[in-house]
Structure formats: structure tokens, C-alpha cells
């Protein structure tokens, strides 16, 4: 059973220099309360693993949406992502030399995180073979199996995973609404400490067992996203 804390307490658990995974796709399915609290703390020198750099002008009316707050504050020293074109500040900081960017094909990133959570040593995929992808640090080597060329890519693991669930019971079991499960599912398995923010909190047993996507046994800390801090 996770320990229930508020968003500010959750953000305070993350030290400078930490590696964090953040669920979501352009902010959809991201733990916004925890990210806002982390931005307020200005915790820096972070390595961020997420699908993208999010964007400015979010649907909630914020100037910077989701992880874009951390990027805008220059709290991120290194970003692992699959695309960043909708956040111009990523390119700006990359050109300034204040941000290191590591691009990963989207399917490869999902598999690298899944494999990291499963305790595997890497993944084999033909994606990126013969391209600039080969030059990135996560590529271990090239392998030919039965006449097909593959890249052996290292797994991804983090100190913290920040995930978001639409419904979470008091034991930390999570149900994701629609596509908000995106990277949250695999990230909840691939970090030393998992912090889950809930859009809605229900009594344990309210979610049918077959609908639980992330088991509460994986969640270390839980945050009620509707609580005012």
C-alpha cells in the first residue's frame, strides 16, 4: 500500500540530479499537480525521460503544460524523448548548449522502458539501423540474426517515475482512461520509486480486478490530484 502525500511533498522527494520518467503524451496522462510542484521547487540538473517536451499554452490555460514547465525553468540538463517539435524551447536550449537531447524512436522507447522494468538487458529492433540512430548512446551494438540486421538497444531505468491515473483506489491500484495509459503503464515498472497522481480516488475494491492496469504493489507514493495544496 502506498504512502499518501500531497503534491509538494512528492516533489520534495526528488533531489537535484535525479533521473525521472514522466508519463503522458503531449501532457495527456501526465501528473500535472506533481510537475507543477516540482517546477515551483526549481529542482535542477534533472535527466528527464518522457515521450516529448510537451508544449506551451496547455488546455488548462497554463503558459507551460506538463514537463514544459521544467524545460522552461531550465531544470532539465538531459532529455530522452521521441519528438520535441511542439516545444520550441527544446531547440533553443539545445542550440545554446544548456540542454542535451537524446532522440529515441517511439516504439523503441516504449520497449526499452518495458524491458528495463522486466529486468532484461536490452531489446533487439531493426528500427534505426543504417541511420543516425546508431550514433546514440543507448545503442549497444549491431546484430545480424538469420540475415536480418538489428540494433541492440540498452534498457531505460529511472530513479523516479511520475505517473498519472484517472482512477486510483486507496491501495494504489490504477485504472487509466483511454489513451492516458500511454507511457504510464511501462514507466510504473521501471523506476526505483514510483509516485502516482490520481485524478479520482475511490475505495479499495471499487475497481474491478480485471480493469486494474497498474497494481498498487508498484506504487510507493500516491497523490490525490484533487486536493488543494
Protein backbone atom coordinates (compact mmCIF):
# COMPACT_ATOMS: atom_id res chain seq x y z
CA UNK A 1 0.00 0.00 0.00
CA UNK A 2 1.48 3.39 -0.98
CA UNK A 3 2.02 6.29 1.38
CA UNK A 4 -0.42 9.11 0.63
CA UNK A 5 1.19 12.55 0.45
CA UNK A 6 0.44 15.85 -1.25
CA UNK A 7 1.98 17.15 -4.46
CA UNK A 8 4.52 19.38 -2.71
CA UNK A 9 5.68 16.51 -0.52
CA UNK A 10 6.01 14.32 -3.60
CA UNK A 11 8.10 16.89 -5.44
CA UNK A 12 10.33 17.34 -2.39
CA UNK A 13 11.29 13.65 -2.58
CA UNK A 14 13.12 14.26 -5.87
CA UNK A 15 16.69 15.52 -5.40
CA UNK A 16 18.75 17.59 -7.81
CA UNK A 17 20.46 15.40 -10.37
CA UNK A 18 17.79 12.70 -10.32
CA UNK A 19 16.64 10.76 -13.37
CA UNK A 20 12.86 10.84 -13.70
CA UNK A 21 10.39 9.23 -16.07
CA UNK A 22 7.16 11.15 -16.65
CA UNK A 23 4.09 9.54 -18.16
CA UNK A 24 1.97 11.28 -20.75
CA UNK A 25 1.76 12.18 -24.42
CA UNK A 26 1.91 15.93 -25.02
CA UNK A 27 0.69 16.29 -21.44
CA UNK A 28 -2.23 13.87 -21.87
CA UNK A 29 -1.92 11.48 -18.94
CA UNK A 30 0.78 13.46 -17.13
CA UNK A 31 0.77 14.08 -13.35
CA UNK A 32 0.26 17.84 -13.59
CA UNK A 33 0.00 18.67 -9.87
CA UNK A 34 3.30 16.96 -9.07
CA UNK A 35 5.01 18.54 -12.08
CA UNK A 36 3.80 21.99 -11.06
CA UNK A 37 5.10 21.45 -7.53
CA UNK A 38 8.45 20.29 -8.90
CA UNK A 39 8.62 23.39 -11.10
CA UNK A 40 7.95 25.60 -8.08
CA UNK A 41 10.81 23.98 -6.19
CA UNK A 42 13.14 24.62 -9.15
CA UNK A 43 14.93 21.32 -8.51
CA UNK A 44 17.63 21.24 -11.18
CA UNK A 45 20.13 19.14 -13.08
CA UNK A 46 17.43 16.60 -13.90
CA UNK A 47 17.55 13.87 -16.51
CA UNK A 48 14.06 13.55 -17.97
CA UNK A 49 12.72 10.50 -19.80
CA UNK A 50 9.36 11.14 -21.46
CA UNK A 51 7.64 10.87 -24.80
CA UNK A 52 8.07 14.55 -25.70
CA UNK A 53 8.78 18.05 -24.46
CA UNK A 54 5.05 18.83 -24.20
CA UNK A 55 4.04 22.34 -25.29
CA UNK A 56 3.16 25.83 -24.18
CA UNK A 57 -0.42 27.07 -23.84
CA UNK A 58 -1.97 23.90 -22.45
CA UNK A 59 -5.73 23.22 -22.44
CA UNK A 60 -5.77 24.06 -18.72
CA UNK A 61 -4.81 27.65 -19.56
CA UNK A 62 -1.24 27.31 -18.34
CA UNK A 63 1.60 29.05 -20.13
CA UNK A 64 3.68 25.87 -19.99
CA UNK A 65 1.98 22.48 -19.96
CA UNK A 66 3.27 19.43 -18.12
CA UNK A 67 7.00 18.82 -18.47
CA UNK A 68 7.29 22.06 -20.47
CA UNK A 69 7.35 23.83 -17.08
CA UNK A 70 10.56 22.01 -16.13
CA UNK A 71 12.14 22.70 -19.52
CA UNK A 72 11.18 26.39 -19.39
CA UNK A 73 12.78 26.70 -15.93
CA UNK A 74 15.94 25.05 -17.27
CA UNK A 75 15.65 22.35 -14.64
CA UNK A 76 16.40 19.65 -17.22
CA UNK A 77 20.01 19.03 -18.22
CA UNK A 78 19.29 15.96 -20.36
CA UNK A 79 16.12 14.92 -22.17
CA UNK A 80 15.34 11.49 -23.60
CA UNK A 81 12.32 11.86 -25.89
CA UNK A 82 10.74 10.66 -29.13
CA UNK A 83 9.79 14.08 -30.55
CA UNK A 84 10.13 17.66 -29.39
CA UNK A 85 8.91 19.79 -32.29
CA UNK A 86 5.93 21.30 -30.45
CA UNK A 87 8.11 22.86 -27.77
CA UNK A 88 10.44 25.41 -29.39
CA UNK A 89 12.32 25.92 -26.12
CA UNK A 90 13.88 22.46 -26.51
CA UNK A 91 15.57 23.50 -29.75
CA UNK A 92 16.53 26.86 -28.26
CA UNK A 93 18.21 25.32 -25.22
CA UNK A 94 19.82 22.64 -27.38
CA UNK A 95 21.40 25.32 -29.58
CA UNK A 96 22.51 27.27 -26.52
CA UNK A 97 24.20 24.18 -25.15
CA UNK A 98 22.20 24.18 -21.90
CA UNK A 99 20.22 21.03 -22.75
CA UNK A 100 21.37 17.65 -24.07
CA UNK A 101 18.79 15.89 -26.24
CA UNK A 102 18.69 12.15 -26.90
CA UNK A 103 16.09 11.20 -29.51
CA UNK A 104 14.67 7.66 -29.49
CA UNK A 105 12.16 6.12 -31.94
CA UNK A 106 8.84 5.99 -30.10
CA UNK A 107 8.28 2.25 -30.24
CA UNK A 108 11.87 1.64 -29.20
CA UNK A 109 11.46 3.89 -26.17
CA UNK A 110 8.37 2.01 -25.02
CA UNK A 111 10.17 -1.33 -25.39
CA UNK A 112 13.35 -0.06 -23.72
CA UNK A 113 11.32 1.02 -20.70
CA UNK A 114 9.30 -2.19 -20.63
CA UNK A 115 12.48 -4.26 -20.81
CA UNK A 116 14.05 -2.15 -18.09
CA UNK A 117 11.09 -2.86 -15.85
CA UNK A 118 11.30 -6.57 -16.62
CA UNK A 119 14.98 -6.76 -15.70
CA UNK A 120 16.15 -7.53 -19.24
CA UNK A 121 19.47 -6.44 -20.66
CA UNK A 122 18.28 -4.82 -23.87
CA UNK A 123 15.99 -5.05 -26.90
CA UNK A 124 16.63 -6.07 -30.49
CA UNK A 125 14.97 -4.00 -33.21
CA UNK A 126 15.67 -3.16 -36.85
CA UNK A 127 14.37 0.37 -36.27
CA UNK A 128 17.13 2.90 -36.84
CA UNK A 129 19.62 0.51 -38.42
CA UNK A 130 21.71 2.37 -41.01
CA UNK A 131 20.59 5.79 -39.72
CA UNK A 132 21.87 8.39 -37.24
CA UNK A 133 20.07 6.44 -34.52
CA UNK A 134 23.13 4.17 -34.47
CA UNK A 135 25.19 7.03 -33.02
CA UNK A 136 23.14 7.48 -29.85
CA UNK A 137 24.44 6.24 -26.51
CA UNK A 138 21.60 3.77 -25.94
CA UNK A 139 22.70 1.64 -28.92
CA UNK A 140 25.00 -1.11 -27.66
CA UNK A 141 25.87 -2.89 -30.89
CA UNK A 142 24.70 -4.23 -34.24
CA UNK A 143 23.50 -7.81 -34.55
CA UNK A 144 22.66 -9.94 -37.58
CA UNK A 145 20.21 -12.76 -36.96
CA UNK A 146 19.26 -15.06 -39.83
CA UNK A 147 20.24 -12.43 -42.35
CA UNK A 148 18.33 -9.55 -40.70
CA UNK A 149 20.20 -6.58 -39.21
CA UNK A 150 19.20 -5.35 -35.76
CA UNK A 151 20.33 -2.78 -33.24
CA UNK A 152 20.80 -3.97 -29.70
CA UNK A 153 19.48 -1.09 -27.59
CA UNK A 154 20.01 -0.70 -23.87
CA UNK A 155 17.07 -0.56 -21.50
CA UNK A 156 15.87 2.55 -19.68
CA UNK A 157 15.52 2.86 -15.91
CA UNK A 158 14.98 5.85 -13.62
CA UNK A 159 15.31 6.92 -10.02
CA UNK A 160 11.68 8.12 -10.06
CA UNK A 161 8.64 7.52 -12.23
CA UNK A 162 5.87 10.14 -12.12
CA UNK A 163 2.66 8.62 -13.44
CA UNK A 164 -0.98 9.65 -13.58
CA UNK A 165 -4.11 7.53 -13.26
CA UNK A 166 -7.69 8.59 -13.91
CA UNK A 167 -8.98 6.40 -11.06
CA UNK A 168 -6.88 5.03 -8.21
CA UNK A 169 -8.05 3.20 -5.14
CA UNK A 170 -6.62 3.68 -1.67
CA UNK A 171 -4.25 0.76 -2.14
CA UNK A 172 -2.73 2.41 -5.22
CA UNK A 173 -4.35 0.24 -7.88
CA UNK A 174 -4.77 2.30 -11.06
CA UNK A 175 -7.24 2.45 -13.94
CA UNK A 176 -6.26 4.61 -16.90
CA UNK A 177 -8.86 6.34 -19.06
CA UNK A 178 -8.44 5.72 -22.78
CA UNK A 179 -5.07 6.64 -24.19
CA UNK A 180 -3.86 8.20 -20.94
CA UNK A 181 -2.27 4.85 -20.14
CA UNK A 182 0.34 5.60 -22.88
CA UNK A 183 3.77 5.54 -21.19
CA UNK A 184 2.36 5.39 -17.65
CA UNK A 185 1.95 1.61 -17.78
CA UNK A 186 5.56 0.74 -18.55
CA UNK A 187 7.11 3.58 -16.54
CA UNK A 188 5.42 2.35 -13.37
CA UNK A 189 7.60 -0.78 -13.60
CA UNK A 190 10.94 0.82 -14.47
CA UNK A 191 11.92 3.11 -11.60
CA UNK A 192 13.25 2.75 -8.08
CA UNK A 193 10.46 4.95 -6.69
CA UNK A 194 7.01 5.36 -8.27
CA UNK A 195 4.86 8.40 -7.47
CA UNK A 196 1.30 8.16 -8.80
CA UNK A 197 -1.09 11.09 -9.04
CA UNK A 198 -4.79 10.27 -9.17
CA UNK A 199 -7.46 12.30 -10.91
CA UNK A 200 -10.05 10.49 -8.76
CA UNK A 201 -9.60 8.42 -5.58
CA UNK A 202 -12.02 5.60 -4.74
CA UNK A 203 -12.32 2.96 -2.05
CA UNK A 204 -10.30 -0.19 -2.45
CA UNK A 205 -12.37 -2.77 -4.31
CA UNK A 206 -14.22 -0.19 -6.40
CA UNK A 207 -12.12 -1.02 -9.47
CA UNK A 208 -12.84 -4.47 -10.86
CA UNK A 209 -9.71 -6.59 -10.70
CA UNK A 210 -9.57 -7.17 -14.46
CA UNK A 211 -9.64 -3.40 -15.04
CA UNK A 212 -6.59 -2.66 -12.90
CA UNK A 213 -3.73 -1.74 -15.23
CA UNK A 214 -1.06 -0.84 -12.66
CA UNK A 215 -1.02 -2.80 -9.42
CA UNK A 216 -0.71 -0.85 -6.20
CA UNK A 217 2.25 -3.01 -5.25
CA UNK A 218 4.26 -0.96 -7.76
CA UNK A 219 3.28 2.42 -6.29
CA UNK A 220 5.42 3.84 -3.48
CA UNK A 221 3.69 7.21 -3.03
CA UNK A 222 0.22 8.35 -4.04
CA UNK A 223 -1.13 11.87 -4.54
CA UNK A 224 -4.77 12.92 -4.72
CA UNK A 225 -4.79 15.30 -7.68
CA UNK A 226 -7.99 16.97 -6.48
CA UNK A 227 -6.56 18.05 -3.16
CA UNK A 228 -5.55 21.68 -2.83
CA UNK A 229 -2.00 22.12 -1.57
